[in-house]
Amino acid sequence: MSHLATTAQFLAQSTDSYTLTPGRAWSLVGMGFGLIGLVVGIVSRVRKAGGSRTAFTSLGTGAIGLALGVYVVTAAKGGPGTGYGIVGGVFSVLIGVAALGLGWLTLSRSRRAAVRG
């Protein structure tokens, strides 16, 4: 009987799935930075222009998104659905890593072009 009471107490205290908790907010901010870096990296790769400025923008915003995602994932005390933002944190880490990769590719291309020209 105490197991049922404990489960009922947990369900009564659980966060609504539509509530914006601090963990979810930080994961959204991290995803925003990561997405900015991802878009800048994609545009710079497609247009083959921008040079080191777009590469550093993609690297910087991707690193911020990655750091915020790692912070949210490590600070989470529960799994998905608990309101700690762990799912958004994982997505923030993945998007940040992709932005870092695109920024690195753009930076290496701009350095090769500078050596040739």
Protein backbone atom coordinates (compact mmCIF):
# COMPACT_ATOMS: atom_id res chain seq x y z
CA MET A 1 0.00 0.00 0.00
CA SER A 2 2.85 2.41 0.71
CA HIS A 3 4.18 1.88 -2.82
CA LEU A 4 0.88 3.12 -4.24
CA ALA A 5 0.90 6.11 -1.92
CA THR A 6 4.44 6.98 -2.98
CA THR A 7 3.49 6.72 -6.66
CA ALA A 8 0.43 8.90 -6.10
CA GLN A 9 2.55 11.51 -4.32
CA PHE A 10 5.06 11.50 -7.17
CA LEU A 11 2.35 11.93 -9.77
CA ALA A 12 0.78 14.76 -7.79
CA GLN A 13 4.15 16.57 -7.62
CA SER A 14 5.19 15.93 -11.21
CA THR A 15 5.46 18.89 -13.54
CA ASP A 16 2.89 19.50 -16.21
CA SER A 17 4.22 18.74 -19.68
CA TYR A 18 3.47 22.30 -20.81
CA THR A 19 5.14 24.11 -17.91
CA LEU A 20 8.30 26.02 -18.75
CA THR A 21 10.70 25.07 -15.98
CA PRO A 22 14.21 26.53 -15.59
CA GLY A 23 15.79 23.36 -16.97
CA ARG A 24 13.58 23.46 -20.04
CA ALA A 25 14.29 27.16 -20.50
CA TRP A 26 18.07 26.63 -20.39
CA SER A 27 17.82 23.75 -22.85
CA LEU A 28 15.81 25.97 -25.21
CA VAL A 29 18.42 28.72 -24.94
CA GLY A 30 21.13 26.16 -25.69
CA MET A 31 19.20 24.86 -28.69
CA GLY A 32 18.74 28.43 -29.91
CA PHE A 33 22.48 29.12 -29.82
CA GLY A 34 23.19 25.77 -31.45
CA LEU A 35 20.65 26.39 -34.20
CA ILE A 36 22.13 29.81 -34.94
CA GLY A 37 25.55 28.20 -35.29
CA LEU A 38 24.13 25.40 -37.41
CA VAL A 39 22.36 27.78 -39.79
CA VAL A 40 25.42 30.03 -40.12
CA GLY A 41 27.58 26.96 -40.77
CA ILE A 42 25.21 25.57 -43.39
CA VAL A 43 24.91 28.90 -45.18
CA SER A 44 28.66 29.41 -45.21
CA ARG A 45 29.23 25.90 -46.56
CA VAL A 46 26.59 26.25 -49.29
CA ARG A 47 27.60 29.74 -50.45
CA LYS A 48 31.33 29.08 -50.08
CA ALA A 49 31.73 32.61 -48.79
CA GLY A 50 32.11 34.36 -45.49
CA GLY A 51 35.51 33.06 -44.54
CA SER A 52 36.72 32.97 -41.00
CA ARG A 53 34.04 35.36 -39.66
CA THR A 54 31.20 32.90 -40.28
CA ALA A 55 33.40 30.03 -39.13
CA PHE A 56 34.07 31.71 -35.79
CA THR A 57 30.39 32.62 -35.44
CA SER A 58 29.41 29.00 -35.99
CA LEU A 59 32.13 27.79 -33.62
CA GLY A 60 31.23 30.26 -30.89
CA THR A 61 27.48 29.78 -30.91
CA GLY A 62 27.88 26.02 -31.28
CA ALA A 63 30.20 25.93 -28.26
CA ILE A 64 27.71 27.93 -26.18
CA GLY A 65 24.88 25.59 -27.21
CA LEU A 66 27.02 22.56 -26.41
CA ALA A 67 28.03 23.94 -23.01
CA LEU A 68 24.45 24.78 -22.04
CA GLY A 69 23.27 21.34 -23.17
CA VAL A 70 25.95 19.61 -21.12
CA TYR A 71 25.02 21.76 -18.11
CA VAL A 72 21.33 20.86 -18.39
CA VAL A 73 22.03 17.15 -18.83
CA THR A 74 24.42 16.98 -15.89
CA ALA A 75 22.17 19.05 -13.62
CA ALA A 76 19.04 17.02 -14.38
CA LYS A 77 17.82 14.93 -11.46
CA GLY A 78 15.28 12.98 -13.44
CA GLY A 79 14.56 11.56 -16.83
CA PRO A 80 12.28 12.67 -19.63
CA GLY A 81 9.01 14.21 -18.52
CA THR A 82 10.21 15.35 -15.11
CA GLY A 83 10.67 18.99 -16.08
CA TYR A 84 14.44 19.12 -15.86
CA GLY A 85 14.87 19.63 -19.62
CA ILE A 86 17.00 16.57 -20.24
CA VAL A 87 15.56 15.87 -23.69
CA GLY A 88 16.18 19.45 -24.79
CA GLY A 89 19.64 19.27 -23.26
CA VAL A 90 20.51 16.21 -25.32
CA PHE A 91 19.25 17.92 -28.48
CA SER A 92 21.24 21.02 -27.55
CA VAL A 93 24.40 18.91 -27.25
CA LEU A 94 23.79 17.26 -30.64
CA ILE A 95 23.03 20.55 -32.40
CA GLY A 96 26.04 22.21 -30.75
CA VAL A 97 28.36 19.44 -31.91
CA ALA A 98 26.99 19.74 -35.47
CA ALA A 99 27.52 23.52 -35.41
CA LEU A 100 31.07 23.05 -34.14
CA GLY A 101 31.76 20.57 -36.93
CA LEU A 102 30.45 22.89 -39.62
CA GLY A 103 32.38 25.80 -38.14
CA TRP A 104 35.57 23.76 -38.13
CA LEU A 105 35.05 22.70 -41.76
CA THR A 106 34.43 26.30 -42.80
CA LEU A 107 37.48 27.52 -40.89
CA SER A 108 39.73 24.89 -42.45
CA ARG A 109 38.45 25.79 -45.93
CA SER A 110 39.01 29.50 -45.35
CA ARG A 111 42.58 28.82 -44.15
CA ARG A 112 43.31 26.70 -47.23
CA ALA A 113 41.98 29.49 -49.45
CA ALA A 114 44.18 32.02 -47.64
CA VAL A 115 47.27 29.86 -48.17
CA ARG A 116 46.51 29.45 -51.89
CA GLY A 117 45.67 33.09 -52.48
